[in-house]
Amino acid sequence: MSRTSNPNDLTARLRSRMAAERRQFEETAASELRRLGANLRAIANDALRTIESDTAVTVARIRVMLLNAWLRPLVVGLSLFLGFSGGSWGLMHWLSAEIQSRIETLAALTVQIDHARETLVEIEGTTWGVTLREIDGERFVVLPDGTLDHPPWTVRGRPALKLSSE
């Protein structure tokens, strides 16, 4: 049997060959596209991991920077504030205690002075105004005014008697 080609057979063969080549081309293209897609996914995943890694490093650096820029000065400032406040409170507490102590001492001294004045008034009343004085190493008994007509010595205008130094 001999085959003779007719134009329809040739067209049909060309069409089937073109269809087969197109299928093969499409399969090859699809295979290449799948491989390209897998490569692109791998590259995108690597890029994503790199970005995540860089972001984590950047976040860590920012945390350290914030720690250095804000937390340490905050802690130092807070410590200074508490130190000054505590010191001021302690100083004020000590000063108020000192002032209270001095007020109490002043009140006690005022009472003692009043008692001494009362005692002096009592002594002057019982000694009839006679006092003892020492002037330049010499001792005198100072008498009340009008007790001697012609006193041999006077102390502050009052008559006086000189005591022997023996």
N, C-alpha and C. Protein backbone atom coordinates (compact mmCIF):
# COMPACT_ATOMS: atom_id res chain seq x y z
N MET A 1 0.80 -1.15 0.00
CA MET A 1 0.00 0.00 0.00
C MET A 1 0.85 1.23 0.00
N SER A 2 0.66 1.89 -0.83
CA SER A 2 1.42 3.10 -0.95
C SER A 2 0.55 4.27 -0.54
N ARG A 3 1.21 5.06 0.07
CA ARG A 3 0.44 6.21 0.57
C ARG A 3 0.74 7.40 -0.30
N THR A 4 -0.22 7.98 -0.59
CA THR A 4 -0.05 9.22 -1.33
C THR A 4 -0.56 10.34 -0.44
N SER A 5 0.08 11.35 -0.47
CA SER A 5 -0.28 12.48 0.40
C SER A 5 -1.18 13.42 -0.35
N ASN A 6 -2.07 13.80 0.35
CA ASN A 6 -2.92 14.83 -0.22
C ASN A 6 -2.77 16.07 0.67
N PRO A 7 -3.25 17.17 0.20
CA PRO A 7 -3.03 18.40 0.97
C PRO A 7 -3.74 18.34 2.31
N ASN A 8 -4.84 17.62 2.41
CA ASN A 8 -5.54 17.56 3.70
C ASN A 8 -4.73 16.75 4.70
N ASP A 9 -4.13 15.67 4.22
CA ASP A 9 -3.30 14.86 5.12
C ASP A 9 -2.12 15.68 5.63
N LEU A 10 -1.54 16.41 4.74
CA LEU A 10 -0.38 17.22 5.11
C LEU A 10 -0.80 18.27 6.14
N THR A 11 -1.92 18.87 5.94
CA THR A 11 -2.41 19.88 6.87
C THR A 11 -2.73 19.24 8.21
N ALA A 12 -3.35 18.05 8.15
CA ALA A 12 -3.69 17.37 9.39
C ALA A 12 -2.43 16.97 10.12
N ARG A 13 -1.44 16.49 9.41
CA ARG A 13 -0.18 16.11 10.06
C ARG A 13 0.52 17.33 10.65
N LEU A 14 0.50 18.39 9.90
CA LEU A 14 1.12 19.61 10.40
C LEU A 14 0.40 20.10 11.65
N ARG A 15 -0.92 19.99 11.60
CA ARG A 15 -1.70 20.42 12.76
C ARG A 15 -1.41 19.52 13.95
N SER A 16 -1.36 18.22 13.72
CA SER A 16 -1.11 17.34 14.85
C SER A 16 0.31 17.53 15.35
N ARG A 17 1.25 17.75 14.44
CA ARG A 17 2.63 17.98 14.87
C ARG A 17 2.72 19.30 15.63
N MET A 18 2.03 20.31 15.15
CA MET A 18 2.05 21.60 15.82
C MET A 18 1.37 21.50 17.18
N ALA A 19 0.28 20.68 17.22
CA ALA A 19 -0.39 20.50 18.50
C ALA A 19 0.53 19.77 19.46
N ALA A 20 1.25 18.75 18.97
CA ALA A 20 2.17 18.01 19.83
C ALA A 20 3.31 18.91 20.28
N GLU A 21 3.85 19.72 19.39
CA GLU A 21 4.93 20.64 19.75
C GLU A 21 4.43 21.70 20.73
N ARG A 22 3.17 22.16 20.49
CA ARG A 22 2.59 23.15 21.40
C ARG A 22 2.41 22.55 22.78
N ARG A 23 1.90 21.28 22.85
CA ARG A 23 1.74 20.61 24.15
C ARG A 23 3.10 20.46 24.82
N GLN A 24 4.09 20.02 24.03
CA GLN A 24 5.43 19.84 24.58
C GLN A 24 5.97 21.18 25.04
N PHE A 25 5.75 22.23 24.24
CA PHE A 25 6.21 23.57 24.61
C PHE A 25 5.50 24.05 25.87
N GLU A 26 4.17 23.81 25.93
CA GLU A 26 3.39 24.22 27.10
C GLU A 26 3.83 23.43 28.33
N GLU A 27 4.09 22.13 28.16
CA GLU A 27 4.56 21.32 29.30
C GLU A 27 5.92 21.80 29.75
N THR A 28 6.80 22.08 28.80
CA THR A 28 8.14 22.57 29.14
C THR A 28 8.03 23.94 29.81
N ALA A 29 7.17 24.80 29.23
CA ALA A 29 6.98 26.13 29.80
C ALA A 29 6.39 26.03 31.20
N ALA A 30 5.38 25.13 31.36
CA ALA A 30 4.77 24.95 32.67
C ALA A 30 5.79 24.42 33.66
N SER A 31 6.63 23.48 33.21
CA SER A 31 7.66 22.92 34.08
C SER A 31 8.66 24.02 34.47
N GLU A 32 9.05 24.80 33.48
CA GLU A 32 9.99 25.90 33.76
C GLU A 32 9.34 26.93 34.69
N LEU A 33 8.05 27.22 34.47
CA LEU A 33 7.35 28.17 35.34
C LEU A 33 7.24 27.64 36.77
N ARG A 34 6.96 26.32 36.91
CA ARG A 34 6.92 25.73 38.26
C ARG A 34 8.29 25.85 38.93
N ARG A 35 9.34 25.51 38.18
CA ARG A 35 10.70 25.62 38.73
C ARG A 35 11.03 27.07 39.08
N LEU A 36 10.65 27.98 38.20
CA LEU A 36 10.87 29.41 38.45
C LEU A 36 10.08 29.86 39.68
N GLY A 37 8.83 29.39 39.80
CA GLY A 37 8.00 29.73 40.96
C GLY A 37 8.61 29.20 42.24
N ALA A 38 9.12 27.94 42.18
CA ALA A 38 9.76 27.36 43.37
C ALA A 38 11.00 28.17 43.74
N ASN A 39 11.80 28.54 42.72
CA ASN A 39 12.99 29.35 42.99
C ASN A 39 12.60 30.71 43.56
N LEU A 40 11.55 31.33 43.00
CA LEU A 40 11.10 32.63 43.50
C LEU A 40 10.59 32.52 44.94
N ARG A 41 9.84 31.42 45.24
CA ARG A 41 9.39 31.21 46.62
C ARG A 41 10.56 31.06 47.57
N ALA A 42 11.57 30.29 47.14
CA ALA A 42 12.76 30.10 47.98
C ALA A 42 13.47 31.42 48.20
N ILE A 43 13.61 32.20 47.11
CA ILE A 43 14.26 33.52 47.24
C ILE A 43 13.43 34.43 48.13
N ALA A 44 12.10 34.43 47.95
CA ALA A 44 11.23 35.27 48.79
C ALA A 44 11.31 34.84 50.25
N ASN A 45 11.31 33.52 50.49
CA ASN A 45 11.43 33.03 51.88
C ASN A 45 12.76 33.42 52.48
N ASP A 46 13.86 33.31 51.70
CA ASP A 46 15.17 33.75 52.20
C ASP A 46 15.16 35.24 52.51
N ALA A 47 14.57 36.01 51.60
CA ALA A 47 14.48 37.46 51.83
C ALA A 47 13.65 37.75 53.07
N LEU A 48 12.56 37.03 53.25
CA LEU A 48 11.71 37.22 54.42
C LEU A 48 12.46 36.88 55.71
N ARG A 49 13.19 35.76 55.68
CA ARG A 49 13.99 35.39 56.86
C ARG A 49 15.06 36.44 57.13
N THR A 50 15.69 36.95 56.09
CA THR A 50 16.71 37.99 56.26
C THR A 50 16.08 39.25 56.85
N ILE A 51 14.92 39.63 56.33
CA ILE A 51 14.23 40.82 56.85
C ILE A 51 13.84 40.61 58.31
N GLU A 52 13.31 39.43 58.63
CA GLU A 52 12.93 39.14 60.02
C GLU A 52 14.15 39.18 60.91
N SER A 53 15.25 38.61 60.44
CA SER A 53 16.49 38.61 61.23
C SER A 53 16.99 40.03 61.44
N ASP A 54 17.01 40.82 60.34
CA ASP A 54 17.46 42.22 60.45
C ASP A 54 16.54 43.02 61.35
N THR A 55 15.23 42.76 61.26
CA THR A 55 14.27 43.46 62.11
C THR A 55 14.50 43.10 63.57
N ALA A 56 14.76 41.83 63.84
CA ALA A 56 15.02 41.41 65.23
C ALA A 56 16.27 42.09 65.76
N VAL A 57 17.31 42.16 64.93
CA VAL A 57 18.56 42.83 65.35
C VAL A 57 18.29 44.32 65.57
N THR A 58 17.54 44.92 64.66
CA THR A 58 17.23 46.35 64.80
C THR A 58 16.41 46.60 66.06
N VAL A 59 15.42 45.75 66.31
CA VAL A 59 14.61 45.90 67.52
C VAL A 59 15.49 45.75 68.76
N ALA A 60 16.40 44.80 68.73
CA ALA A 60 17.31 44.63 69.88
C ALA A 60 18.17 45.87 70.06
N ARG A 61 18.67 46.43 68.96
CA ARG A 61 19.48 47.66 69.05
C ARG A 61 18.66 48.82 69.57
N ILE A 62 17.42 48.91 69.12
CA ILE A 62 16.55 49.99 69.60
C ILE A 62 16.26 49.82 71.08
N ARG A 63 16.06 48.58 71.52
CA ARG A 63 15.85 48.34 72.96
C ARG A 63 17.06 48.78 73.77
N VAL A 64 18.25 48.42 73.28
CA VAL A 64 19.48 48.82 73.99
C VAL A 64 19.61 50.34 73.98
N MET A 65 19.30 50.95 72.83
CA MET A 65 19.38 52.40 72.74
C MET A 65 18.39 53.06 73.70
N LEU A 66 17.16 52.53 73.75
CA LEU A 66 16.18 53.08 74.67
C LEU A 66 16.62 52.87 76.11
N LEU A 67 17.21 51.73 76.37
CA LEU A 67 17.70 51.45 77.71
C LEU A 67 18.76 52.47 78.09
N ASN A 68 19.68 52.73 77.18
CA ASN A 68 20.75 53.69 77.46
C ASN A 68 20.24 55.12 77.46
N ALA A 69 19.32 55.42 76.55
CA ALA A 69 18.87 56.80 76.40
C ALA A 69 17.81 57.20 77.41
N TRP A 70 17.00 56.28 77.89
CA TRP A 70 15.89 56.64 78.76
C TRP A 70 15.94 55.98 80.13
N LEU A 71 16.19 54.70 80.16
CA LEU A 71 16.07 53.99 81.43
C LEU A 71 17.18 54.38 82.40
N ARG A 72 18.40 54.40 81.94
CA ARG A 72 19.49 54.75 82.87
C ARG A 72 19.36 56.17 83.40
N PRO A 73 19.13 57.18 82.53
CA PRO A 73 18.92 58.52 83.09
C PRO A 73 17.71 58.59 84.01
N LEU A 74 16.68 57.83 83.70
CA LEU A 74 15.50 57.80 84.57
C LEU A 74 15.86 57.24 85.93
N VAL A 75 16.61 56.16 85.95
CA VAL A 75 17.01 55.55 87.23
C VAL A 75 17.93 56.49 87.99
N VAL A 76 18.87 57.11 87.30
CA VAL A 76 19.78 58.06 87.96
C VAL A 76 18.99 59.24 88.51
N GLY A 77 18.08 59.78 87.70
CA GLY A 77 17.26 60.91 88.16
C GLY A 77 16.39 60.54 89.34
N LEU A 78 15.79 59.37 89.26
CA LEU A 78 14.95 58.90 90.37
C LEU A 78 15.78 58.71 91.63
N SER A 79 16.97 58.15 91.47
CA SER A 79 17.84 57.96 92.62
C SER A 79 18.24 59.30 93.24
N LEU A 80 18.59 60.26 92.39
CA LEU A 80 18.93 61.58 92.90
C LEU A 80 17.73 62.23 93.60
N PHE A 81 16.57 62.11 92.99
CA PHE A 81 15.37 62.67 93.60
C PHE A 81 15.11 62.07 94.97
N LEU A 82 15.19 60.74 95.04
CA LEU A 82 14.96 60.07 96.32
C LEU A 82 16.04 60.43 97.33
N GLY A 83 17.30 60.54 96.87
CA GLY A 83 18.38 60.93 97.77
C GLY A 83 18.18 62.32 98.32
N PHE A 84 17.85 63.28 97.43
CA PHE A 84 17.63 64.65 97.88
C PHE A 84 16.41 64.72 98.79
N SER A 85 15.36 64.03 98.41
CA SER A 85 14.15 64.06 99.23
C SER A 85 14.40 63.44 100.61
N GLY A 86 15.05 62.29 100.62
CA GLY A 86 15.36 61.64 101.90
C GLY A 86 16.29 62.48 102.75
N GLY A 87 17.31 63.05 102.11
CA GLY A 87 18.24 63.91 102.85
C GLY A 87 17.56 65.15 103.39
N SER A 88 16.71 65.75 102.57
CA SER A 88 15.97 66.94 103.03
C SER A 88 15.04 66.59 104.17
N TRP A 89 14.36 65.45 104.06
CA TRP A 89 13.47 65.04 105.14
C TRP A 89 14.26 64.81 106.42
N GLY A 90 15.39 64.12 106.29
CA GLY A 90 16.22 63.86 107.47
C GLY A 90 16.74 65.15 108.09
N LEU A 91 17.20 66.07 107.23
CA LEU A 91 17.70 67.35 107.73
C LEU A 91 16.58 68.13 108.42
N MET A 92 15.41 68.17 107.82
CA MET A 92 14.29 68.89 108.44
C MET A 92 13.88 68.24 109.76
N HIS A 93 13.90 66.91 109.80
CA HIS A 93 13.58 66.21 111.04
C HIS A 93 14.60 66.55 112.12
N TRP A 94 15.88 66.54 111.76
CA TRP A 94 16.94 66.86 112.73
C TRP A 94 16.83 68.31 113.18
N LEU A 95 16.60 69.23 112.21
CA LEU A 95 16.48 70.64 112.57
C LEU A 95 15.27 70.89 113.48
N SER A 96 14.15 70.25 113.20
CA SER A 96 12.99 70.46 114.06
C SER A 96 13.25 69.91 115.46
N ALA A 97 13.96 68.77 115.54
CA ALA A 97 14.31 68.23 116.86
C ALA A 97 15.25 69.19 117.60
N GLU A 98 16.23 69.76 116.86
CA GLU A 98 17.16 70.73 117.48
C GLU A 98 16.41 71.97 117.96
N ILE A 99 15.52 72.48 117.14
CA ILE A 99 14.76 73.67 117.52
C ILE A 99 13.88 73.37 118.74
N GLN A 100 13.24 72.22 118.73
CA GLN A 100 12.40 71.83 119.88
C GLN A 100 13.26 71.72 121.13
N SER A 101 14.45 71.12 120.99
CA SER A 101 15.35 70.97 122.14
C SER A 101 15.77 72.34 122.66
N ARG A 102 16.08 73.25 121.76
CA ARG A 102 16.51 74.59 122.20
C ARG A 102 15.35 75.38 122.82
N ILE A 103 14.15 75.17 122.31
CA ILE A 103 12.98 75.82 122.92
C ILE A 103 12.79 75.30 124.34
N GLU A 104 12.93 73.98 124.51
CA GLU A 104 12.80 73.40 125.85
C GLU A 104 13.92 73.90 126.77
N THR A 105 15.16 73.99 126.24
CA THR A 105 16.28 74.51 127.04
C THR A 105 16.04 75.96 127.42
N LEU A 106 15.54 76.77 126.47
CA LEU A 106 15.24 78.17 126.75
C LEU A 106 14.17 78.29 127.83
N ALA A 107 13.16 77.45 127.76
CA ALA A 107 12.10 77.48 128.79
C ALA A 107 12.68 77.11 130.15
N ALA A 108 13.54 76.08 130.18
CA ALA A 108 14.16 75.67 131.45
C ALA A 108 15.05 76.78 132.00
N LEU A 109 15.83 77.42 131.11
CA LEU A 109 16.70 78.51 131.55
C LEU A 109 15.89 79.71 132.04
N THR A 110 14.78 79.99 131.39
CA THR A 110 13.92 81.08 131.82
C THR A 110 13.37 80.80 133.22
N VAL A 111 12.99 79.56 133.46
CA VAL A 111 12.51 79.18 134.79
C VAL A 111 13.63 79.33 135.81
N GLN A 112 14.87 78.90 135.45
CA GLN A 112 16.00 79.03 136.38
C GLN A 112 16.31 80.50 136.66
N ILE A 113 16.25 81.34 135.60
CA ILE A 113 16.51 82.77 135.80
C ILE A 113 15.46 83.37 136.72
N ASP A 114 14.20 83.00 136.53
CA ASP A 114 13.14 83.50 137.41
C ASP A 114 13.38 83.08 138.86
N HIS A 115 13.79 81.81 139.05
CA HIS A 115 14.10 81.34 140.40
C HIS A 115 15.29 82.09 140.97
N ALA A 116 16.30 82.34 140.13
CA ALA A 116 17.48 83.07 140.61
C ALA A 116 17.11 84.49 140.99
N ARG A 117 16.24 85.13 140.20
CA ARG A 117 15.80 86.49 140.54
C ARG A 117 15.03 86.51 141.85
N GLU A 118 14.16 85.51 142.01
CA GLU A 118 13.41 85.43 143.26
C GLU A 118 14.38 85.22 144.44
N THR A 119 15.37 84.35 144.22
CA THR A 119 16.36 84.11 145.29
C THR A 119 17.14 85.39 145.57
N LEU A 120 17.51 86.15 144.54
CA LEU A 120 18.24 87.40 144.71
C LEU A 120 17.41 88.41 145.49
N VAL A 121 16.13 88.47 145.16
CA VAL A 121 15.24 89.38 145.90
C VAL A 121 15.18 88.95 147.36
N GLU A 122 15.10 87.63 147.61
CA GLU A 122 15.07 87.13 148.99
C GLU A 122 16.38 87.45 149.71
N ILE A 123 17.51 87.25 149.03
CA ILE A 123 18.82 87.53 149.65
C ILE A 123 18.94 89.02 149.96
N GLU A 124 18.56 89.86 148.99
CA GLU A 124 18.64 91.30 149.23
C GLU A 124 17.73 91.69 150.40
N GLY A 125 16.59 91.02 150.52
CA GLY A 125 15.69 91.32 151.64
C GLY A 125 16.28 90.88 152.97
N THR A 126 17.01 89.76 153.01
CA THR A 126 17.56 89.27 154.27
C THR A 126 18.91 89.91 154.59
N THR A 127 19.60 90.49 153.60
CA THR A 127 20.91 91.12 153.88
C THR A 127 20.76 92.63 154.00
N TRP A 128 19.57 93.16 153.92
CA TRP A 128 19.26 94.58 154.05
C TRP A 128 20.02 95.43 153.04
N GLY A 129 20.36 94.85 151.88
CA GLY A 129 21.02 95.61 150.83
C GLY A 129 22.54 95.61 150.93
N VAL A 130 23.10 94.84 151.86
CA VAL A 130 24.57 94.75 151.98
C VAL A 130 25.06 93.79 150.91
N THR A 131 26.13 94.21 150.18
CA THR A 131 26.70 93.35 149.14
C THR A 131 28.20 93.28 149.30
N LEU A 132 28.79 92.25 148.73
CA LEU A 132 30.24 92.09 148.75
C LEU A 132 30.76 92.33 147.34
N ARG A 133 31.87 93.12 147.24
CA ARG A 133 32.46 93.41 145.92
C ARG A 133 33.97 93.25 146.01
N GLU A 134 34.52 92.86 144.84
CA GLU A 134 35.99 92.81 144.74
C GLU A 134 36.38 93.69 143.57
N ILE A 135 37.19 94.69 143.87
CA ILE A 135 37.62 95.64 142.85
C ILE A 135 39.14 95.68 142.86
N ASP A 136 39.75 95.35 141.74
CA ASP A 136 41.21 95.34 141.58
C ASP A 136 41.90 94.54 142.67
N GLY A 137 41.36 93.42 143.06
CA GLY A 137 41.94 92.53 144.04
C GLY A 137 41.66 92.93 145.47
N GLU A 138 40.94 94.01 145.70
CA GLU A 138 40.60 94.44 147.06
C GLU A 138 39.14 94.14 147.30
N ARG A 139 38.83 93.72 148.53
CA ARG A 139 37.47 93.31 148.87
C ARG A 139 36.80 94.40 149.71
N PHE A 140 35.49 94.60 149.36
CA PHE A 140 34.73 95.64 150.05
C PHE A 140 33.38 95.06 150.46
N VAL A 141 32.87 95.59 151.57
CA VAL A 141 31.49 95.34 151.97
C VAL A 141 30.76 96.64 151.65
N VAL A 142 29.80 96.55 150.71
CA VAL A 142 29.08 97.74 150.28
C VAL A 142 27.81 97.81 151.11
N LEU A 143 27.59 98.98 151.77
CA LEU A 143 26.46 99.17 152.67
C LEU A 143 25.35 99.93 151.96
N PRO A 144 24.12 99.84 152.50
CA PRO A 144 23.04 100.61 151.89
C PRO A 144 23.28 102.11 152.09
N ASP A 145 22.66 102.90 151.22
CA ASP A 145 22.80 104.36 151.31
C ASP A 145 22.30 104.86 152.68
N GLY A 146 23.03 105.82 153.21
CA GLY A 146 22.62 106.47 154.45
C GLY A 146 23.06 105.75 155.71
N THR A 147 23.85 104.68 155.64
CA THR A 147 24.25 103.97 156.84
C THR A 147 25.47 104.60 157.49
N LEU A 148 26.34 105.25 156.74
CA LEU A 148 27.52 105.94 157.29
C LEU A 148 27.49 107.39 156.82
N ASP A 149 27.81 108.30 157.78
CA ASP A 149 27.80 109.71 157.39
C ASP A 149 29.02 110.07 156.58
N HIS A 150 30.17 109.64 157.00
CA HIS A 150 31.40 109.93 156.27
C HIS A 150 32.11 108.63 155.99
N PRO A 151 31.74 107.93 154.94
CA PRO A 151 32.36 106.63 154.69
C PRO A 151 33.80 106.80 154.22
N PRO A 152 34.71 105.90 154.64
CA PRO A 152 36.10 106.01 154.19
C PRO A 152 36.25 105.62 152.71
N TRP A 153 35.38 104.75 152.22
CA TRP A 153 35.40 104.35 150.79
C TRP A 153 33.96 104.33 150.25
N THR A 154 33.85 104.51 148.92
CA THR A 154 32.54 104.38 148.28
C THR A 154 32.70 103.49 147.05
N VAL A 155 31.67 102.71 146.79
CA VAL A 155 31.63 101.86 145.58
C VAL A 155 30.33 102.21 144.88
N ARG A 156 30.47 102.78 143.70
CA ARG A 156 29.33 103.21 142.89
C ARG A 156 28.41 104.16 143.67
N GLY A 157 29.03 105.02 144.42
CA GLY A 157 28.29 106.03 145.16
C GLY A 157 27.71 105.56 146.47
N ARG A 158 27.90 104.30 146.84
CA ARG A 158 27.38 103.78 148.10
C ARG A 158 28.54 103.63 149.09
N PRO A 159 28.26 103.80 150.40
CA PRO A 159 29.34 103.67 151.38
C PRO A 159 29.84 102.23 151.43
N ALA A 160 31.17 102.08 151.69
CA ALA A 160 31.76 100.75 151.70
C ALA A 160 32.80 100.66 152.79
N LEU A 161 33.04 99.44 153.25
CA LEU A 161 34.08 99.14 154.22
C LEU A 161 35.08 98.22 153.53
N LYS A 162 36.38 98.53 153.69
CA LYS A 162 37.39 97.70 153.05
C LYS A 162 37.78 96.58 154.01
N LEU A 163 37.84 95.36 153.47
CA LEU A 163 38.23 94.20 154.26
C LEU A 163 39.72 94.00 154.09
N SER A 164 40.36 93.48 155.15
CA SER A 164 41.80 93.24 155.05
C SER A 164 42.06 92.09 154.09
N SER A 165 43.18 92.12 153.45
CA SER A 165 43.50 91.11 152.43
C SER A 165 44.17 89.89 153.02
N GLU A 166 44.33 89.83 154.34
CA GLU A 166 44.98 88.69 154.99
C GLU A 166 44.06 87.54 155.16
